[in-house]
Amino acid sequence: MSDVRTQFDECDQDGNGRIDLIEFRQLLERLGSKMEPAKVEKLFDVIDSDESGLIGFDEFAAWWSERSPG
């Protein structure tokens, strides 16, 4: 998970600890997940549980660990 954290932090361009939709797309690409833009937008909305328009690392990590085996 530390590699995921590193990738997350590198995509967090303004360093606020949260990523927006554009940064989220970049993060998924860095982690090897290629998706259609519409699917990325839907997924972003699902992960953004507090509907802030930003995803914190905790939100992302919870989703990532659910979808990644072991």
PDB file of N, CA and C in Angstrom:
ATOM      1  N   MET A   1       0.831  -1.206   0.000  1.00  0.00           N
ATOM      2  CA  MET A   1       0.000   0.000   0.000  1.00  0.00           C
ATOM      3  C   MET A   1       0.868   1.260   0.000  1.00  0.00           C
ATOM      4  N   SER A   2       2.140   1.119   0.435  1.00  0.00           N
ATOM      5  CA  SER A   2       3.000   2.307   0.464  1.00  0.00           C
ATOM      6  C   SER A   2       3.270   2.829  -0.938  1.00  0.00           C
ATOM      7  N   ASP A   3       3.367   1.919  -1.933  1.00  0.00           N
ATOM      8  CA  ASP A   3       3.562   2.364  -3.307  1.00  0.00           C
ATOM      9  C   ASP A   3       2.339   3.131  -3.793  1.00  0.00           C
ATOM     10  N   VAL A   4       1.164   2.660  -3.399  1.00  0.00           N
ATOM     11  CA  VAL A   4      -0.071   3.358  -3.764  1.00  0.00           C
ATOM     12  C   VAL A   4      -0.076   4.742  -3.133  1.00  0.00           C
ATOM     13  N   ARG A   5       0.364   4.833  -1.888  1.00  0.00           N
ATOM     14  CA  ARG A   5       0.424   6.139  -1.212  1.00  0.00           C
ATOM     15  C   ARG A   5       1.389   7.076  -1.933  1.00  0.00           C
ATOM     16  N   THR A   6       2.524   6.551  -2.344  1.00  0.00           N
ATOM     17  CA  THR A   6       3.505   7.355  -3.071  1.00  0.00           C
ATOM     18  C   THR A   6       2.904   7.871  -4.371  1.00  0.00           C
ATOM     19  N   GLN A   7       2.238   6.989  -5.101  1.00  0.00           N
ATOM     20  CA  GLN A   7       1.613   7.384  -6.360  1.00  0.00           C
ATOM     21  C   GLN A   7       0.525   8.433  -6.111  1.00  0.00           C
ATOM     22  N   PHE A   8      -0.264   8.232  -5.077  1.00  0.00           N
ATOM     23  CA  PHE A   8      -1.313   9.187  -4.724  1.00  0.00           C
ATOM     24  C   PHE A   8      -0.702  10.559  -4.457  1.00  0.00           C
ATOM     25  N   ASP A   9       0.336  10.580  -3.630  1.00  0.00           N
ATOM     26  CA  ASP A   9       0.968  11.850  -3.273  1.00  0.00           C
ATOM     27  C   ASP A   9       1.572  12.548  -4.486  1.00  0.00           C
ATOM     28  N   GLU A  10       2.127  11.771  -5.412  1.00  0.00           N
ATOM     29  CA  GLU A  10       2.705  12.373  -6.616  1.00  0.00           C
ATOM     30  C   GLU A  10       1.629  12.956  -7.528  1.00  0.00           C
ATOM     31  N   CYS A  11       0.441  12.387  -7.515  1.00  0.00           N
ATOM     32  CA  CYS A  11      -0.659  12.912  -8.329  1.00  0.00           C
ATOM     33  C   CYS A  11      -1.349  14.094  -7.660  1.00  0.00           C
ATOM     34  N   ASP A  12      -1.193  14.224  -6.373  1.00  0.00           N
ATOM     35  CA  ASP A  12      -1.785  15.326  -5.610  1.00  0.00           C
ATOM     36  C   ASP A  12      -0.952  16.583  -5.873  1.00  0.00           C
ATOM     37  N   GLN A  13      -1.213  17.220  -7.007  1.00  0.00           N
ATOM     38  CA  GLN A  13      -0.349  18.295  -7.495  1.00  0.00           C
ATOM     39  C   GLN A  13      -0.306  19.522  -6.600  1.00  0.00           C
ATOM     40  N   ASP A  14      -1.377  19.808  -5.902  1.00  0.00           N
ATOM     41  CA  ASP A  14      -1.350  20.988  -5.035  1.00  0.00           C
ATOM     42  C   ASP A  14      -0.996  20.643  -3.591  1.00  0.00           C
ATOM     43  N   GLY A  15      -0.794  19.357  -3.313  1.00  0.00           N
ATOM     44  CA  GLY A  15      -0.325  18.928  -2.009  1.00  0.00           C
ATOM     45  C   GLY A  15      -1.324  19.084  -0.873  1.00  0.00           C
ATOM     46  N   ASN A  16      -2.620  19.126  -1.215  1.00  0.00           N
ATOM     47  CA  ASN A  16      -3.630  19.308  -0.169  1.00  0.00           C
ATOM     48  C   ASN A  16      -4.100  17.991   0.461  1.00  0.00           C
ATOM     49  N   GLY A  17      -3.515  16.865   0.031  1.00  0.00           N
ATOM     50  CA  GLY A  17      -3.883  15.578   0.604  1.00  0.00           C
ATOM     51  C   GLY A  17      -5.099  14.948  -0.032  1.00  0.00           C
ATOM     52  N   ARG A  18      -5.653  15.619  -1.047  1.00  0.00           N
ATOM     53  CA  ARG A  18      -6.818  15.093  -1.756  1.00  0.00           C
ATOM     54  C   ARG A  18      -6.620  15.307  -3.248  1.00  0.00           C
ATOM     55  N   ILE A  19      -7.257  14.469  -4.036  1.00  0.00           N
ATOM     56  CA  ILE A  19      -7.117  14.589  -5.490  1.00  0.00           C
ATOM     57  C   ILE A  19      -8.467  14.894  -6.124  1.00  0.00           C
ATOM     58  N   ASP A  20      -8.404  15.655  -7.208  1.00  0.00           N
ATOM     59  CA  ASP A  20      -9.609  15.956  -7.970  1.00  0.00           C
ATOM     60  C   ASP A  20      -9.741  14.936  -9.101  1.00  0.00           C
ATOM     61  N   LEU A  21     -10.720  15.120  -9.951  1.00  0.00           N
ATOM     62  CA  LEU A  21     -10.989  14.156 -11.011  1.00  0.00           C
ATOM     63  C   LEU A  21      -9.800  14.005 -11.955  1.00  0.00           C
ATOM     64  N   ILE A  22      -9.172  15.084 -12.338  1.00  0.00           N
ATOM     65  CA  ILE A  22      -8.030  15.019 -13.258  1.00  0.00           C
ATOM     66  C   ILE A  22      -6.874  14.258 -12.617  1.00  0.00           C
ATOM     67  N   GLU A  23      -6.605  14.563 -11.360  1.00  0.00           N
ATOM     68  CA  GLU A  23      -5.539  13.867 -10.643  1.00  0.00           C
ATOM     69  C   GLU A  23      -5.890  12.393 -10.449  1.00  0.00           C
ATOM     70  N   PHE A  24      -7.168  12.099 -10.242  1.00  0.00           N
ATOM     71  CA  PHE A  24      -7.635  10.721 -10.098  1.00  0.00           C
ATOM     72  C   PHE A  24      -7.379   9.933 -11.377  1.00  0.00           C
ATOM     73  N   ARG A  25      -7.668  10.522 -12.522  1.00  0.00           N
ATOM     74  CA  ARG A  25      -7.387   9.860 -13.800  1.00  0.00           C
ATOM     75  C   ARG A  25      -5.902   9.531 -13.909  1.00  0.00           C
ATOM     76  N   GLN A  26      -5.062  10.503 -13.550  1.00  0.00           N
ATOM     77  CA  GLN A  26      -3.610  10.293 -13.608  1.00  0.00           C
ATOM     78  C   GLN A  26      -3.187   9.161 -12.672  1.00  0.00           C
ATOM     79  N   LEU A  27      -3.764   9.123 -11.486  1.00  0.00           N
ATOM     80  CA  LEU A  27      -3.431   8.090 -10.521  1.00  0.00           C
ATOM     81  C   LEU A  27      -3.801   6.710 -11.050  1.00  0.00           C
ATOM     82  N   LEU A  28      -4.993   6.575 -11.597  1.00  0.00           N
ATOM     83  CA  LEU A  28      -5.406   5.281 -12.146  1.00  0.00           C
ATOM     84  C   LEU A  28      -4.464   4.829 -13.251  1.00  0.00           C
ATOM     85  N   GLU A  29      -4.070   5.754 -14.116  1.00  0.00           N
ATOM     86  CA  GLU A  29      -3.134   5.415 -15.196  1.00  0.00           C
ATOM     87  C   GLU A  29      -1.799   4.956 -14.630  1.00  0.00           C
ATOM     88  N   ARG A  30      -1.292   5.661 -13.628  1.00  0.00           N
ATOM     89  CA  ARG A  30      -0.017   5.287 -13.007  1.00  0.00           C
ATOM     90  C   ARG A  30      -0.088   3.894 -12.380  1.00  0.00           C
ATOM     91  N   LEU A  31      -1.257   3.547 -11.869  1.00  0.00           N
ATOM     92  CA  LEU A  31      -1.436   2.247 -11.215  1.00  0.00           C
ATOM     93  C   LEU A  31      -1.835   1.155 -12.205  1.00  0.00           C
ATOM     94  N   GLY A  32      -1.876   1.495 -13.489  1.00  0.00           N
ATOM     95  CA  GLY A  32      -2.128   0.506 -14.530  1.00  0.00           C
ATOM     96  C   GLY A  32      -3.583   0.238 -14.837  1.00  0.00           C
ATOM     97  N   SER A  33      -4.491   1.077 -14.355  1.00  0.00           N
ATOM     98  CA  SER A  33      -5.920   0.903 -14.627  1.00  0.00           C
ATOM     99  C   SER A  33      -6.341   1.862 -15.727  1.00  0.00           C
ATOM    100  N   LYS A  34      -6.646   1.302 -16.874  1.00  0.00           N
ATOM    101  CA  LYS A  34      -7.097   2.130 -17.994  1.00  0.00           C
ATOM    102  C   LYS A  34      -8.606   1.948 -18.132  1.00  0.00           C
ATOM    103  N   MET A  35      -9.324   3.078 -18.074  1.00  0.00           N
ATOM    104  CA  MET A  35     -10.787   3.034 -18.141  1.00  0.00           C
ATOM    105  C   MET A  35     -11.290   4.140 -19.061  1.00  0.00           C
ATOM    106  N   GLU A  36     -12.482   3.940 -19.549  1.00  0.00           N
ATOM    107  CA  GLU A  36     -13.141   4.974 -20.340  1.00  0.00           C
ATOM    108  C   GLU A  36     -13.415   6.181 -19.443  1.00  0.00           C
ATOM    109  N   PRO A  37     -13.340   7.397 -20.000  1.00  0.00           N
ATOM    110  CA  PRO A  37     -13.568   8.604 -19.197  1.00  0.00           C
ATOM    111  C   PRO A  37     -14.892   8.609 -18.431  1.00  0.00           C
ATOM    112  N   ALA A  38     -15.953   8.126 -19.044  1.00  0.00           N
ATOM    113  CA  ALA A  38     -17.248   8.111 -18.358  1.00  0.00           C
ATOM    114  C   ALA A  38     -17.219   7.182 -17.145  1.00  0.00           C
ATOM    115  N   LYS A  39     -16.524   6.060 -17.276  1.00  0.00           N
ATOM    116  CA  LYS A  39     -16.423   5.114 -16.160  1.00  0.00           C
ATOM    117  C   LYS A  39     -15.585   5.718 -15.032  1.00  0.00           C
ATOM    118  N   VAL A  40     -14.533   6.435 -15.403  1.00  0.00           N
ATOM    119  CA  VAL A  40     -13.690   7.090 -14.393  1.00  0.00           C
ATOM    120  C   VAL A  40     -14.517   8.110 -13.610  1.00  0.00           C
ATOM    121  N   GLU A  41     -15.344   8.877 -14.315  1.00  0.00           N
ATOM    122  CA  GLU A  41     -16.180   9.880 -13.646  1.00  0.00           C
ATOM    123  C   GLU A  41     -17.170   9.232 -12.682  1.00  0.00           C
ATOM    124  N   LYS A  42     -17.803   8.146 -13.106  1.00  0.00           N
ATOM    125  CA  LYS A  42     -18.746   7.441 -12.227  1.00  0.00           C
ATOM    126  C   LYS A  42     -18.028   6.883 -11.010  1.00  0.00           C
ATOM    127  N   LEU A  43     -16.878   6.288 -11.238  1.00  0.00           N
ATOM    128  CA  LEU A  43     -16.099   5.718 -10.156  1.00  0.00           C
ATOM    129  C   LEU A  43     -15.666   6.804  -9.167  1.00  0.00           C
ATOM    130  N   PHE A  44     -15.237   7.936  -9.683  1.00  0.00           N
ATOM    131  CA  PHE A  44     -14.846   9.059  -8.835  1.00  0.00           C
ATOM    132  C   PHE A  44     -16.000   9.436  -7.914  1.00  0.00           C
ATOM    133  N   ASP A  45     -17.197   9.528  -8.477  1.00  0.00           N
ATOM    134  CA  ASP A  45     -18.374   9.893  -7.681  1.00  0.00           C
ATOM    135  C   ASP A  45     -18.669   8.860  -6.589  1.00  0.00           C
ATOM    136  N   VAL A  46     -18.437   7.587  -6.891  1.00  0.00           N
ATOM    137  CA  VAL A  46     -18.664   6.527  -5.910  1.00  0.00           C
ATOM    138  C   VAL A  46     -17.639   6.615  -4.784  1.00  0.00           C
ATOM    139  N   ILE A  47     -16.372   6.795  -5.138  1.00  0.00           N
ATOM    140  CA  ILE A  47     -15.307   6.840  -4.131  1.00  0.00           C
ATOM    141  C   ILE A  47     -15.404   8.101  -3.287  1.00  0.00           C
ATOM    142  N   ASP A  48     -15.850   9.193  -3.886  1.00  0.00           N
ATOM    143  CA  ASP A  48     -15.981  10.467  -3.170  1.00  0.00           C
ATOM    144  C   ASP A  48     -17.198  10.400  -2.252  1.00  0.00           C
ATOM    145  N   SER A  49     -17.059   9.634  -1.182  1.00  0.00           N
ATOM    146  CA  SER A  49     -18.199   9.340  -0.311  1.00  0.00           C
ATOM    147  C   SER A  49     -18.777  10.561   0.386  1.00  0.00           C
ATOM    148  N   ASP A  50     -17.961  11.575   0.610  1.00  0.00           N
ATOM    149  CA  ASP A  50     -18.486  12.781   1.272  1.00  0.00           C
ATOM    150  C   ASP A  50     -18.942  13.844   0.272  1.00  0.00           C
ATOM    151  N   GLU A  51     -18.897  13.488  -1.026  1.00  0.00           N
ATOM    152  CA  GLU A  51     -19.372  14.354  -2.116  1.00  0.00           C
ATOM    153  C   GLU A  51     -18.716  15.738  -2.093  1.00  0.00           C
ATOM    154  N   SER A  52     -17.423  15.761  -1.764  1.00  0.00           N
ATOM    155  CA  SER A  52     -16.689  17.023  -1.697  1.00  0.00           C
ATOM    156  C   SER A  52     -16.111  17.444  -3.043  1.00  0.00           C
ATOM    157  N   GLY A  53     -16.120  16.527  -4.008  1.00  0.00           N
ATOM    158  CA  GLY A  53     -15.472  16.814  -5.286  1.00  0.00           C
ATOM    159  C   GLY A  53     -13.991  16.514  -5.252  1.00  0.00           C
ATOM    160  N   LEU A  54     -13.559  15.938  -4.139  1.00  0.00           N
ATOM    161  CA  LEU A  54     -12.163  15.547  -3.958  1.00  0.00           C
ATOM    162  C   LEU A  54     -12.135  14.193  -3.263  1.00  0.00           C
ATOM    163  N   ILE A  55     -11.078  13.433  -3.543  1.00  0.00           N
ATOM    164  CA  ILE A  55     -10.917  12.131  -2.901  1.00  0.00           C
ATOM    165  C   ILE A  55      -9.682  12.183  -2.016  1.00  0.00           C
ATOM    166  N   GLY A  56      -9.877  11.880  -0.738  1.00  0.00           N
ATOM    167  CA  GLY A  56      -8.755  11.768   0.179  1.00  0.00           C
ATOM    168  C   GLY A  56      -8.117  10.396   0.060  1.00  0.00           C
ATOM    169  N   PHE A  57      -6.897  10.273   0.576  1.00  0.00           N
ATOM    170  CA  PHE A  57      -6.210   8.991   0.466  1.00  0.00           C
ATOM    171  C   PHE A  57      -6.996   7.880   1.150  1.00  0.00           C
ATOM    172  N   ASP A  58      -7.604   8.154   2.288  1.00  0.00           N
ATOM    173  CA  ASP A  58      -8.366   7.114   2.993  1.00  0.00           C
ATOM    174  C   ASP A  58      -9.515   6.591   2.131  1.00  0.00           C
ATOM    175  N   GLU A  59     -10.198   7.505   1.450  1.00  0.00           N
ATOM    176  CA  GLU A  59     -11.288   7.085   0.562  1.00  0.00           C
ATOM    177  C   GLU A  59     -10.735   6.222  -0.570  1.00  0.00           C
ATOM    178  N   PHE A  60      -9.648   6.674  -1.177  1.00  0.00           N
ATOM    179  CA  PHE A  60      -9.059   5.932  -2.281  1.00  0.00           C
ATOM    180  C   PHE A  60      -8.539   4.577  -1.815  1.00  0.00           C
ATOM    181  N   ALA A  61      -7.818   4.561  -0.709  1.00  0.00           N
ATOM    182  CA  ALA A  61      -7.222   3.322  -0.210  1.00  0.00           C
ATOM    183  C   ALA A  61      -8.284   2.278   0.121  1.00  0.00           C
ATOM    184  N   ALA A  62      -9.399   2.708   0.686  1.00  0.00           N
ATOM    185  CA  ALA A  62     -10.486   1.767   0.994  1.00  0.00           C
ATOM    186  C   ALA A  62     -10.998   1.121  -0.282  1.00  0.00           C
ATOM    187  N   TRP A  63     -11.208   1.915  -1.324  1.00  0.00           N
ATOM    188  CA  TRP A  63     -11.669   1.365  -2.597  1.00  0.00           C
ATOM    189  C   TRP A  63     -10.597   0.481  -3.225  1.00  0.00           C
ATOM    190  N   TRP A  64      -9.371   0.940  -3.234  1.00  0.00           N
ATOM    191  CA  TRP A  64      -8.282   0.202  -3.882  1.00  0.00           C
ATOM    192  C   TRP A  64      -8.093  -1.163  -3.229  1.00  0.00           C
ATOM    193  N   SER A  65      -8.129  -1.222  -1.902  1.00  0.00           N
ATOM    194  CA  SER A  65      -7.918  -2.488  -1.218  1.00  0.00           C
ATOM    195  C   SER A  65      -9.083  -3.455  -1.442  1.00  0.00           C
ATOM    196  N   GLU A  66     -10.288  -2.944  -1.641  1.00  0.00           N
ATOM    197  CA  GLU A  66     -11.442  -3.805  -1.946  1.00  0.00           C
ATOM    198  C   GLU A  66     -11.318  -4.453  -3.313  1.00  0.00           C
ATOM    199  N   ARG A  67     -10.768  -3.723  -4.275  1.00  0.00           N
ATOM    200  CA  ARG A  67     -10.700  -4.223  -5.648  1.00  0.00           C
ATOM    201  C   ARG A  67      -9.439  -5.007  -5.935  1.00  0.00           C
ATOM    202  N   SER A  68      -8.418  -4.888  -5.094  1.00  0.00           N
ATOM    203  CA  SER A  68      -7.132  -5.546  -5.332  1.00  0.00           C
ATOM    204  C   SER A  68      -6.982  -6.764  -4.434  1.00  0.00           C
ATOM    205  N   PRO A  69      -6.763  -7.920  -5.047  1.00  0.00           N
ATOM    206  CA  PRO A  69      -6.557  -9.116  -4.222  1.00  0.00           C
ATOM    207  C   PRO A  69      -5.249  -9.019  -3.440  1.00  0.00           C
ATOM    208  N   GLY A  70      -5.295  -9.505  -2.207  1.00  0.00           N
ATOM    209  CA  GLY A  70      -4.136  -9.618  -1.356  1.00  0.00           C
ATOM    210  C   GLY A  70      -3.351  -8.401  -1.236  1.00  0.00           C
TER     211      GLY A  70
END
